[in-house]
Amino acid sequence: MGALTAAAADPSGFTVGALRRDGVIIPFAAYDGKMWLSRWPGAERDPEIPINLRSIPTRWWGPAGLRETWQTWIDGRAGGTIRALQPDWIDAHCLKHVGLRTDYRSSQPVAPADERPYPKAGLVVSPPQTIEPIETVDVRAPQLTGFLPVLREAFDRAERATAERFNHPVQRKVREEIVPELQAVYAFGQAPRTYYVESLRAYRLFSIAGGDWPFEDSKGCGIAFGTGWFARDDKGFRPLEMSVRMVPCDMYGATYMLPFGAMRLGSKVYWIAQFSGWDHERYVVVDIRAKDVEAVVNAWGGGC
């Protein structure tokens, strides 16, 4: 479904990048046949801008070397081939990022250059490889039957860990009476099936005595924002990793996933995604394992 037929990962390696809607590629990860690497420089205040493709330092490219043509993956489907024309820089929140200007033209309107995070059209890979779509799951979908109790227990544990780091304004007994609200769910695979979820508990703090609230401009309102990884097999749902952070009710400080796709390399499964908020973004390759997950690439995409 939406996967380009391709051989297993080439031993000589390949490179993946985020494709912006304005046609600029940000290469952020390379695979050498055995492991993932991150060689392309992250966002900086005053980056070095090579004159042309041939002048880009060899070390930036990774094992696959200089890449002029790229296969697009948009909305989980293989697209056409696009060509890199020249290096260029783009605004990356309060920084600048070196990317590759291409001949790609989006069917959607080009966003203003200062939009944060800048809209992405999808993922690119070179040489071509099989990338599979990550499903966006309706939070009321039947496949999530039985999930909320597992989420609630994992959310409670993660919020207790957060509460240990500062004087939480809501007592544990009060907050754990609130069922976490699912905001977004993404899934891939079947046996096991892996899920990434975004969820929250909203608190109206004006009626709660005691505690310290760290956000001066959000005195009467706060959000416990939870993100987590879960697996489902024939025994049901189980948590892999969960974290909760406190943010004001405008959600400043929350980080959201934009899934690009998944890859099966040998016996391993990797999710490729952007994680971003109002003032930051990063590009991540996540190794999905039986009992936990690990970010094997965590490339800085810019921030303030």
C-alpha atoms as a PDB file:
ATOM      1  CA  MET A   1       0.000   0.000   0.000  1.00  0.00           C
ATOM      2  CA  GLY A   2       1.802   3.081  -1.236  1.00  0.00           C
ATOM      3  CA  ALA A   3       5.214   1.402  -1.072  1.00  0.00           C
ATOM      4  CA  LEU A   4       7.627   1.575  -3.976  1.00  0.00           C
ATOM      5  CA  THR A   5       8.990  -1.839  -4.905  1.00  0.00           C
ATOM      6  CA  ALA A   6      12.666  -1.821  -4.022  1.00  0.00           C
ATOM      7  CA  ALA A   7      15.362  -4.172  -2.896  1.00  0.00           C
ATOM      8  CA  ALA A   8      16.603  -4.370   0.670  1.00  0.00           C
ATOM      9  CA  ALA A   9      18.801  -1.512   1.815  1.00  0.00           C
ATOM     10  CA  ASP A  10      21.785  -1.160  -0.488  1.00  0.00           C
ATOM     11  CA  PRO A  11      25.053  -2.022   1.345  1.00  0.00           C
ATOM     12  CA  SER A  12      26.507   1.205  -0.032  1.00  0.00           C
ATOM     13  CA  GLY A  13      23.841   3.128   1.869  1.00  0.00           C
ATOM     14  CA  PHE A  14      21.250   5.803   1.249  1.00  0.00           C
ATOM     15  CA  THR A  15      20.267   9.249   2.520  1.00  0.00           C
ATOM     16  CA  VAL A  16      16.887  10.604   3.634  1.00  0.00           C
ATOM     17  CA  GLY A  17      15.729  14.191   3.938  1.00  0.00           C
ATOM     18  CA  ALA A  18      12.723  16.328   4.787  1.00  0.00           C
ATOM     19  CA  LEU A  19      11.112  17.897   1.722  1.00  0.00           C
ATOM     20  CA  ARG A  20       9.741  21.358   2.437  1.00  0.00           C
ATOM     21  CA  ARG A  21       6.754  22.662   0.514  1.00  0.00           C
ATOM     22  CA  ASP A  22       8.978  25.320  -1.096  1.00  0.00           C
ATOM     23  CA  GLY A  23      11.087  22.566  -2.688  1.00  0.00           C
ATOM     24  CA  VAL A  24      14.071  22.682  -0.315  1.00  0.00           C
ATOM     25  CA  ILE A  25      15.447  19.364   0.979  1.00  0.00           C
ATOM     26  CA  ILE A  26      17.008  19.123   4.437  1.00  0.00           C
ATOM     27  CA  PRO A  27      19.102  15.918   4.376  1.00  0.00           C
ATOM     28  CA  PHE A  28      19.232  14.694   7.961  1.00  0.00           C
ATOM     29  CA  ALA A  29      20.064  10.988   8.121  1.00  0.00           C
ATOM     30  CA  ALA A  30      22.115   8.419   6.236  1.00  0.00           C
ATOM     31  CA  TYR A  31      22.226   4.632   6.462  1.00  0.00           C
ATOM     32  CA  ASP A  32      25.485   2.794   5.721  1.00  0.00           C
ATOM     33  CA  GLY A  33      24.029  -0.716   5.456  1.00  0.00           C
ATOM     34  CA  LYS A  34      24.406  -1.397   9.189  1.00  0.00           C
ATOM     35  CA  MET A  35      23.696   1.738  11.157  1.00  0.00           C
ATOM     36  CA  TRP A  36      22.185   5.238  10.931  1.00  0.00           C
ATOM     37  CA  LEU A  37      24.353   8.346  10.847  1.00  0.00           C
ATOM     38  CA  SER A  38      23.714  12.084  10.943  1.00  0.00           C
ATOM     39  CA  ARG A  39      26.340  13.961   8.940  1.00  0.00           C
ATOM     40  CA  TRP A  40      24.508  16.962   7.467  1.00  0.00           C
ATOM     41  CA  PRO A  41      25.021  20.039   9.702  1.00  0.00           C
ATOM     42  CA  GLY A  42      22.113  21.176  11.841  1.00  0.00           C
ATOM     43  CA  ALA A  43      20.671  24.663  11.997  1.00  0.00           C
ATOM     44  CA  GLU A  44      23.124  27.367  13.042  1.00  0.00           C
ATOM     45  CA  ARG A  45      23.229  31.126  13.479  1.00  0.00           C
ATOM     46  CA  ASP A  46      25.709  31.692  10.641  1.00  0.00           C
ATOM     47  CA  PRO A  47      26.205  28.468   8.636  1.00  0.00           C
ATOM     48  CA  GLU A  48      28.693  27.828   5.857  1.00  0.00           C
ATOM     49  CA  ILE A  49      26.882  27.926   2.475  1.00  0.00           C
ATOM     50  CA  PRO A  50      28.683  25.922  -0.236  1.00  0.00           C
ATOM     51  CA  ILE A  51      28.736  27.502  -3.703  1.00  0.00           C
ATOM     52  CA  ASN A  52      27.381  24.464  -5.587  1.00  0.00           C
ATOM     53  CA  LEU A  53      26.663  20.775  -5.130  1.00  0.00           C
ATOM     54  CA  ARG A  54      30.222  19.750  -5.931  1.00  0.00           C
ATOM     55  CA  SER A  55      31.604  22.075  -3.259  1.00  0.00           C
ATOM     56  CA  ILE A  56      29.526  20.511  -0.474  1.00  0.00           C
ATOM     57  CA  PRO A  57      31.986  18.794   1.894  1.00  0.00           C
ATOM     58  CA  THR A  58      32.101  15.031   1.356  1.00  0.00           C
ATOM     59  CA  ARG A  59      31.613  14.426   5.075  1.00  0.00           C
ATOM     60  CA  TRP A  60      28.151  16.053   4.924  1.00  0.00           C
ATOM     61  CA  TRP A  61      26.762  13.427   2.555  1.00  0.00           C
ATOM     62  CA  GLY A  62      27.479  10.209   4.410  1.00  0.00           C
ATOM     63  CA  PRO A  63      28.238   6.811   2.838  1.00  0.00           C
ATOM     64  CA  ALA A  64      26.006   7.237  -0.233  1.00  0.00           C
ATOM     65  CA  GLY A  65      28.005  10.265  -1.370  1.00  0.00           C
ATOM     66  CA  LEU A  66      26.754  13.238  -3.348  1.00  0.00           C
ATOM     67  CA  ARG A  67      23.046  12.933  -4.215  1.00  0.00           C
ATOM     68  CA  GLU A  68      21.631  14.845  -7.179  1.00  0.00           C
ATOM     69  CA  THR A  69      18.355  12.950  -7.707  1.00  0.00           C
ATOM     70  CA  TRP A  70      15.859  12.039  -5.008  1.00  0.00           C
ATOM     71  CA  GLN A  71      12.724   9.870  -4.823  1.00  0.00           C
ATOM     72  CA  THR A  72       9.792  11.671  -3.178  1.00  0.00           C
ATOM     73  CA  TRP A  73       7.401  10.116  -0.660  1.00  0.00           C
ATOM     74  CA  ILE A  74       4.344  12.298  -0.135  1.00  0.00           C
ATOM     75  CA  ASP A  75       1.292  11.254   1.902  1.00  0.00           C
ATOM     76  CA  GLY A  76       2.776   7.784   2.249  1.00  0.00           C
ATOM     77  CA  ARG A  77       3.052   7.247  -1.513  1.00  0.00           C
ATOM     78  CA  ALA A  78       6.004   7.053  -3.851  1.00  0.00           C
ATOM     79  CA  GLY A  79       6.203  10.057  -6.132  1.00  0.00           C
ATOM     80  CA  GLY A  80       8.484  11.113  -8.905  1.00  0.00           C
ATOM     81  CA  THR A  81      12.163  11.926  -9.031  1.00  0.00           C
ATOM     82  CA  ILE A  82      13.308  15.452  -8.254  1.00  0.00           C
ATOM     83  CA  ARG A  83      16.707  17.009  -8.858  1.00  0.00           C
ATOM     84  CA  ALA A  84      18.844  19.020  -6.475  1.00  0.00           C
ATOM     85  CA  LEU A  85      19.939  22.266  -8.147  1.00  0.00           C
ATOM     86  CA  GLN A  86      22.105  24.074  -5.617  1.00  0.00           C
ATOM     87  CA  PRO A  87      22.718  24.512  -1.893  1.00  0.00           C
ATOM     88  CA  ASP A  88      20.818  27.314  -0.210  1.00  0.00           C
ATOM     89  CA  TRP A  89      19.871  28.443   3.278  1.00  0.00           C
ATOM     90  CA  ILE A  90      16.411  28.712   4.776  1.00  0.00           C
ATOM     91  CA  ASP A  91      15.018  30.246   7.965  1.00  0.00           C
ATOM     92  CA  ALA A  92      14.893  27.665  10.746  1.00  0.00           C
ATOM     93  CA  HIS A  93      12.998  29.488  13.501  1.00  0.00           C
ATOM     94  CA  CYS A  94      15.682  31.845  14.884  1.00  0.00           C
ATOM     95  CA  LEU A  95      18.517  30.110  13.011  1.00  0.00           C
ATOM     96  CA  LYS A  96      19.517  29.218   9.454  1.00  0.00           C
ATOM     97  CA  HIS A  97      19.708  25.760   7.918  1.00  0.00           C
ATOM     98  CA  VAL A  98      21.624  24.697   4.826  1.00  0.00           C
ATOM     99  CA  GLY A  99      19.449  22.753   2.408  1.00  0.00           C
ATOM    100  CA  LEU A 100      19.232  21.742  -1.235  1.00  0.00           C
ATOM    101  CA  ARG A 101      17.105  23.837  -3.561  1.00  0.00           C
ATOM    102  CA  THR A 102      15.351  21.488  -6.029  1.00  0.00           C
ATOM    103  CA  ASP A 103      13.049  21.539  -9.041  1.00  0.00           C
ATOM    104  CA  TYR A 104      10.114  20.247  -6.931  1.00  0.00           C
ATOM    105  CA  ARG A 105       6.865  22.196  -7.240  1.00  0.00           C
ATOM    106  CA  SER A 106       4.125  21.548  -4.706  1.00  0.00           C
ATOM    107  CA  SER A 107       0.477  21.367  -5.722  1.00  0.00           C
ATOM    108  CA  GLN A 108      -0.300  23.314  -2.536  1.00  0.00           C
ATOM    109  CA  PRO A 109       0.297  27.031  -1.982  1.00  0.00           C
ATOM    110  CA  VAL A 110       3.798  27.926  -0.870  1.00  0.00           C
ATOM    111  CA  ALA A 111       3.744  29.100   2.742  1.00  0.00           C
ATOM    112  CA  PRO A 112       5.387  32.343   3.923  1.00  0.00           C
ATOM    113  CA  ALA A 113       9.101  31.862   4.571  1.00  0.00           C
ATOM    114  CA  ASP A 114       8.708  32.728   8.258  1.00  0.00           C
ATOM    115  CA  GLU A 115       5.972  30.163   9.026  1.00  0.00           C
ATOM    116  CA  ARG A 116       7.039  27.973  11.956  1.00  0.00           C
ATOM    117  CA  PRO A 117       7.481  25.107  11.653  1.00  0.00           C
ATOM    118  CA  TYR A 118       7.628  25.431   7.896  1.00  0.00           C
ATOM    119  CA  PRO A 119       5.181  22.999   6.179  1.00  0.00           C
ATOM    120  CA  LYS A 120       6.707  19.801   4.841  1.00  0.00           C
ATOM    121  CA  ALA A 121       5.537  18.061   1.672  1.00  0.00           C
ATOM    122  CA  GLY A 122       6.992  14.732   2.762  1.00  0.00           C
ATOM    123  CA  LEU A 123      10.192  12.705   2.735  1.00  0.00           C
ATOM    124  CA  VAL A 124      12.853  12.107   0.080  1.00  0.00           C
ATOM    125  CA  VAL A 125      15.328   9.245  -0.215  1.00  0.00           C
ATOM    126  CA  SER A 126      18.324   8.633  -2.475  1.00  0.00           C
ATOM    127  CA  PRO A 127      18.995   6.086  -3.920  1.00  0.00           C
ATOM    128  CA  PRO A 128      15.351   4.859  -3.917  1.00  0.00           C
ATOM    129  CA  GLN A 129      14.272   2.597  -1.054  1.00  0.00           C
ATOM    130  CA  THR A 130      10.972   1.217   0.201  1.00  0.00           C
ATOM    131  CA  ILE A 131       9.236   3.531   2.650  1.00  0.00           C
ATOM    132  CA  GLU A 132       5.879   2.525   4.111  1.00  0.00           C
ATOM    133  CA  PRO A 133       3.149   4.878   5.340  1.00  0.00           C
ATOM    134  CA  ILE A 134       2.467   5.422   9.039  1.00  0.00           C
ATOM    135  CA  GLU A 135      -1.274   5.418   9.643  1.00  0.00           C
ATOM    136  CA  THR A 136      -3.082   8.319  11.281  1.00  0.00           C
ATOM    137  CA  VAL A 137      -5.655   6.629  13.529  1.00  0.00           C
ATOM    138  CA  ASP A 138      -8.972   8.193  14.508  1.00  0.00           C
ATOM    139  CA  VAL A 139      -8.957   8.485  18.316  1.00  0.00           C
ATOM    140  CA  ARG A 140     -12.381   6.743  18.345  1.00  0.00           C
ATOM    141  CA  ALA A 141     -11.288   3.863  16.098  1.00  0.00           C
ATOM    142  CA  PRO A 142     -12.328   0.318  17.157  1.00  0.00           C
ATOM    143  CA  GLN A 143      -8.674  -0.784  17.076  1.00  0.00           C
ATOM    144  CA  LEU A 144      -8.121   1.351  20.194  1.00  0.00           C
ATOM    145  CA  THR A 145     -10.693  -0.571  22.256  1.00  0.00           C
ATOM    146  CA  GLY A 146      -9.059  -1.398  25.574  1.00  0.00           C
ATOM    147  CA  PHE A 147      -6.307   1.173  25.142  1.00  0.00           C
ATOM    148  CA  LEU A 148      -7.448   3.957  27.507  1.00  0.00           C
ATOM    149  CA  PRO A 149      -6.812   2.055  30.778  1.00  0.00           C
ATOM    150  CA  VAL A 150      -3.251   1.283  29.597  1.00  0.00           C
ATOM    151  CA  LEU A 151      -2.708   4.911  28.577  1.00  0.00           C
ATOM    152  CA  ARG A 152      -4.105   6.166  31.872  1.00  0.00           C
ATOM    153  CA  GLU A 153      -1.763   4.003  33.946  1.00  0.00           C
ATOM    154  CA  ALA A 154       1.274   5.024  31.859  1.00  0.00           C
ATOM    155  CA  PHE A 155       0.222   8.711  31.986  1.00  0.00           C
ATOM    156  CA  ASP A 156      -0.151   8.553  35.784  1.00  0.00           C
ATOM    157  CA  ARG A 157       3.332   7.090  36.228  1.00  0.00           C
ATOM    158  CA  ALA A 158       4.911   9.634  33.880  1.00  0.00           C
ATOM    159  CA  GLU A 159       3.136  12.576  35.538  1.00  0.00           C
ATOM    160  CA  ARG A 160       4.273  11.406  38.975  1.00  0.00           C
ATOM    161  CA  ALA A 161       7.855  11.471  37.683  1.00  0.00           C
ATOM    162  CA  THR A 162       7.279  15.022  36.406  1.00  0.00           C
ATOM    163  CA  ALA A 163       5.759  16.058  39.749  1.00  0.00           C
ATOM    164  CA  GLU A 164       8.924  14.945  41.536  1.00  0.00           C
ATOM    165  CA  ARG A 165      10.891  17.647  39.702  1.00  0.00           C
ATOM    166  CA  PHE A 166       8.751  20.598  40.822  1.00  0.00           C
ATOM    167  CA  ASN A 167       5.872  21.363  43.162  1.00  0.00           C
ATOM    168  CA  HIS A 168       2.946  20.256  40.987  1.00  0.00           C
ATOM    169  CA  PRO A 169      -0.042  22.613  41.483  1.00  0.00           C
ATOM    170  CA  VAL A 170      -2.536  19.723  41.332  1.00  0.00           C
ATOM    171  CA  GLN A 171      -2.611  17.038  43.988  1.00  0.00           C
ATOM    172  CA  ARG A 172      -2.035  13.508  42.757  1.00  0.00           C
ATOM    173  CA  LYS A 173      -5.448  12.297  43.918  1.00  0.00           C
ATOM    174  CA  VAL A 174      -7.195  15.093  42.015  1.00  0.00           C
ATOM    175  CA  ARG A 175      -5.269  14.787  38.759  1.00  0.00           C
ATOM    176  CA  GLU A 176      -5.482  10.985  38.562  1.00  0.00           C
ATOM    177  CA  GLU A 177      -9.262  11.156  38.649  1.00  0.00           C
ATOM    178  CA  ILE A 178      -9.092  12.798  35.206  1.00  0.00           C
ATOM    179  CA  VAL A 179      -8.976  10.462  32.219  1.00  0.00           C
ATOM    180  CA  PRO A 180      -6.283  11.597  29.731  1.00  0.00           C
ATOM    181  CA  GLU A 181      -7.743  12.896  26.477  1.00  0.00           C
ATOM    182  CA  LEU A 182      -6.322  11.453  23.265  1.00  0.00           C
ATOM    183  CA  GLN A 183      -5.247  14.144  20.806  1.00  0.00           C
ATOM    184  CA  ALA A 184      -3.452  12.189  18.074  1.00  0.00           C
ATOM    185  CA  VAL A 185      -2.609   8.541  17.373  1.00  0.00           C
ATOM    186  CA  TYR A 186      -0.228   7.114  14.758  1.00  0.00           C
ATOM    187  CA  ALA A 187       0.360   3.414  14.079  1.00  0.00           C
ATOM    188  CA  PHE A 188       2.448   1.015  12.016  1.00  0.00           C
ATOM    189  CA  GLY A 189       2.802  -2.745  11.684  1.00  0.00           C
ATOM    190  CA  GLN A 190       0.608  -5.653  12.709  1.00  0.00           C
ATOM    191  CA  ALA A 191       2.340  -8.193  14.949  1.00  0.00           C
ATOM    192  CA  PRO A 192       3.214  -6.316  17.015  1.00  0.00           C
ATOM    193  CA  ARG A 193       1.532  -3.046  16.021  1.00  0.00           C
ATOM    194  CA  THR A 194       3.305   0.076  17.292  1.00  0.00           C
ATOM    195  CA  TYR A 195       1.488   3.265  18.317  1.00  0.00           C
ATOM    196  CA  TYR A 196       2.647   6.786  19.072  1.00  0.00           C
ATOM    197  CA  VAL A 197       0.119   8.914  20.963  1.00  0.00           C
ATOM    198  CA  GLU A 198      -0.285  12.523  22.067  1.00  0.00           C
ATOM    199  CA  SER A 199      -2.625  13.088  25.005  1.00  0.00           C
ATOM    200  CA  LEU A 200      -3.370  15.605  27.730  1.00  0.00           C
ATOM    201  CA  ARG A 201      -5.037  16.515  30.994  1.00  0.00           C
ATOM    202  CA  ALA A 202      -6.301  20.091  31.302  1.00  0.00           C
ATOM    203  CA  TYR A 203      -6.368  21.793  34.707  1.00  0.00           C
ATOM    204  CA  ARG A 204      -8.182  24.949  35.786  1.00  0.00           C
ATOM    205  CA  LEU A 205      -5.841  26.116  38.497  1.00  0.00           C
ATOM    206  CA  PHE A 206      -7.806  29.008  39.964  1.00  0.00           C
ATOM    207  CA  SER A 207      -9.817  26.507  42.048  1.00  0.00           C
ATOM    208  CA  ILE A 208      -6.776  24.568  43.276  1.00  0.00           C
ATOM    209  CA  ALA A 209      -4.959  25.694  46.411  1.00  0.00           C
ATOM    210  CA  GLY A 210      -1.244  25.166  46.914  1.00  0.00           C
ATOM    211  CA  GLY A 211       1.537  24.331  44.513  1.00  0.00           C
ATOM    212  CA  ASP A 212       3.707  26.468  42.283  1.00  0.00           C
ATOM    213  CA  TRP A 213       2.817  27.141  38.673  1.00  0.00           C
ATOM    214  CA  PRO A 214       5.896  27.855  36.525  1.00  0.00           C
ATOM    215  CA  PHE A 215       4.149  29.911  33.806  1.00  0.00           C
ATOM    216  CA  GLU A 216       3.569  33.500  34.877  1.00  0.00           C
ATOM    217  CA  ASP A 217       1.309  34.293  31.906  1.00  0.00           C
ATOM    218  CA  SER A 218      -0.977  31.290  32.434  1.00  0.00           C
ATOM    219  CA  LYS A 219      -1.932  31.517  36.101  1.00  0.00           C
ATOM    220  CA  GLY A 220      -5.396  30.011  35.844  1.00  0.00           C
ATOM    221  CA  CYS A 221      -4.784  27.215  33.404  1.00  0.00           C
ATOM    222  CA  GLY A 222      -2.327  24.421  32.760  1.00  0.00           C
ATOM    223  CA  ILE A 223      -1.919  21.305  30.646  1.00  0.00           C
ATOM    224  CA  ALA A 224      -0.213  18.017  31.410  1.00  0.00           C
ATOM    225  CA  PHE A 225       0.864  17.004  27.897  1.00  0.00           C
ATOM    226  CA  GLY A 226       1.768  13.350  27.444  1.00  0.00           C
ATOM    227  CA  THR A 227       3.518  11.613  24.571  1.00  0.00           C
ATOM    228  CA  GLY A 228       4.170   7.916  24.446  1.00  0.00           C
ATOM    229  CA  TRP A 229       4.955   4.761  22.525  1.00  0.00           C
ATOM    230  CA  PHE A 230       2.856   1.615  22.897  1.00  0.00           C
ATOM    231  CA  ALA A 231       2.721  -1.842  21.334  1.00  0.00           C
ATOM    232  CA  ARG A 232      -0.227  -4.150  20.741  1.00  0.00           C
ATOM    233  CA  ASP A 233       0.014  -7.910  20.250  1.00  0.00           C
ATOM    234  CA  ASP A 234      -2.251 -10.888  20.955  1.00  0.00           C
ATOM    235  CA  LYS A 235      -2.022 -10.079  24.692  1.00  0.00           C
ATOM    236  CA  GLY A 236      -3.251  -6.508  24.242  1.00  0.00           C
ATOM    237  CA  PHE A 237      -1.644  -3.100  24.665  1.00  0.00           C
ATOM    238  CA  ARG A 238       1.554  -2.424  26.602  1.00  0.00           C
ATOM    239  CA  PRO A 239       3.576   0.768  27.107  1.00  0.00           C
ATOM    240  CA  LEU A 240       7.081   1.130  25.701  1.00  0.00           C
ATOM    241  CA  GLU A 241       7.850   4.705  26.765  1.00  0.00           C
ATOM    242  CA  MET A 242       5.820   7.628  28.140  1.00  0.00           C
ATOM    243  CA  SER A 243       6.626  11.157  29.232  1.00  0.00           C
ATOM    244  CA  VAL A 244       4.550  14.071  30.527  1.00  0.00           C
ATOM    245  CA  ARG A 245       5.486  17.739  30.664  1.00  0.00           C
ATOM    246  CA  MET A 246       3.583  20.726  32.010  1.00  0.00           C
ATOM    247  CA  VAL A 247       2.752  23.482  29.527  1.00  0.00           C
ATOM    248  CA  PRO A 248       0.489  26.568  29.609  1.00  0.00           C
ATOM    249  CA  CYS A 249      -2.926  26.354  27.977  1.00  0.00           C
ATOM    250  CA  ASP A 250      -1.692  27.940  24.738  1.00  0.00           C
ATOM    251  CA  MET A 251       0.406  24.725  24.434  1.00  0.00           C
ATOM    252  CA  TYR A 252       3.664  26.655  24.089  1.00  0.00           C
ATOM    253  CA  GLY A 253       6.406  24.102  24.794  1.00  0.00           C
ATOM    254  CA  ALA A 254       4.484  21.079  23.517  1.00  0.00           C
ATOM    255  CA  THR A 255       6.103  18.946  20.810  1.00  0.00           C
ATOM    256  CA  TYR A 256       4.085  17.220  18.086  1.00  0.00           C
ATOM    257  CA  MET A 257       4.957  14.444  15.671  1.00  0.00           C
ATOM    258  CA  LEU A 258       4.696  14.701  11.888  1.00  0.00           C
ATOM    259  CA  PRO A 259       5.293  11.111  10.706  1.00  0.00           C
ATOM    260  CA  PHE A 260       7.130  10.807   7.376  1.00  0.00           C
ATOM    261  CA  GLY A 261       7.130   7.015   7.058  1.00  0.00           C
ATOM    262  CA  ALA A 262       8.594   3.731   8.282  1.00  0.00           C
ATOM    263  CA  MET A 263      11.369   1.501   6.973  1.00  0.00           C
ATOM    264  CA  ARG A 264      12.051  -2.205   7.474  1.00  0.00           C
ATOM    265  CA  LEU A 265      15.789  -2.821   7.325  1.00  0.00           C
ATOM    266  CA  GLY A 266      16.617  -6.452   7.953  1.00  0.00           C
ATOM    267  CA  SER A 267      14.804  -7.487  11.127  1.00  0.00           C
ATOM    268  CA  LYS A 268      14.447  -3.904  12.372  1.00  0.00           C
ATOM    269  CA  VAL A 269      11.689  -1.316  11.979  1.00  0.00           C
ATOM    270  CA  TYR A 270      12.389   2.417  12.027  1.00  0.00           C
ATOM    271  CA  TRP A 271       9.983   5.351  12.171  1.00  0.00           C
ATOM    272  CA  ILE A 272      11.118   8.562  10.448  1.00  0.00           C
ATOM    273  CA  ALA A 273       9.432  11.735  11.657  1.00  0.00           C
ATOM    274  CA  GLN A 274       9.615  15.424  12.454  1.00  0.00           C
ATOM    275  CA  PHE A 275       9.018  16.526  16.049  1.00  0.00           C
ATOM    276  CA  SER A 276       8.233  20.214  16.340  1.00  0.00           C
ATOM    277  CA  GLY A 277       6.562  22.970  18.311  1.00  0.00           C
ATOM    278  CA  TRP A 278       6.118  26.718  18.044  1.00  0.00           C
ATOM    279  CA  ASP A 279       9.801  27.426  18.536  1.00  0.00           C
ATOM    280  CA  HIS A 280      11.723  24.327  17.452  1.00  0.00           C
ATOM    281  CA  GLU A 281      11.889  21.328  15.153  1.00  0.00           C
ATOM    282  CA  ARG A 282      14.034  18.226  14.815  1.00  0.00           C
ATOM    283  CA  TYR A 283      14.177  15.243  12.503  1.00  0.00           C
ATOM    284  CA  VAL A 284      14.310  11.824  14.104  1.00  0.00           C
ATOM    285  CA  VAL A 285      14.832   8.180  13.184  1.00  0.00           C
ATOM    286  CA  VAL A 286      13.390   5.916  15.896  1.00  0.00           C
ATOM    287  CA  ASP A 287      14.406   2.279  16.333  1.00  0.00           C
ATOM    288  CA  ILE A 288      11.253   0.370  17.388  1.00  0.00           C
ATOM    289  CA  ARG A 289      12.286  -2.502  19.649  1.00  0.00           C
ATOM    290  CA  ALA A 290      10.418  -5.199  21.544  1.00  0.00           C
ATOM    291  CA  LYS A 291      10.548  -3.490  24.942  1.00  0.00           C
ATOM    292  CA  ASP A 292      11.432   0.124  24.214  1.00  0.00           C
ATOM    293  CA  VAL A 293      12.294   2.657  21.518  1.00  0.00           C
ATOM    294  CA  GLU A 294      15.507   4.546  20.792  1.00  0.00           C
ATOM    295  CA  ALA A 295      16.171   7.644  18.692  1.00  0.00           C
ATOM    296  CA  VAL A 296      19.163   6.592  16.576  1.00  0.00           C
ATOM    297  CA  VAL A 297      19.151   9.957  14.767  1.00  0.00           C
ATOM    298  CA  ASN A 298      18.030  13.189  16.407  1.00  0.00           C
ATOM    299  CA  ALA A 299      18.948  15.999  14.014  1.00  0.00           C
ATOM    300  CA  TRP A 300      18.444  19.606  15.083  1.00  0.00           C
ATOM    301  CA  GLY A 301      16.242  21.442  12.607  1.00  0.00           C
ATOM    302  CA  GLY A 302      16.243  24.869  14.258  1.00  0.00           C
ATOM    303  CA  GLY A 303      14.819  26.730  17.226  1.00  0.00           C
ATOM    304  CA  CYS A 304      14.612  29.902  19.294  1.00  0.00           C
END
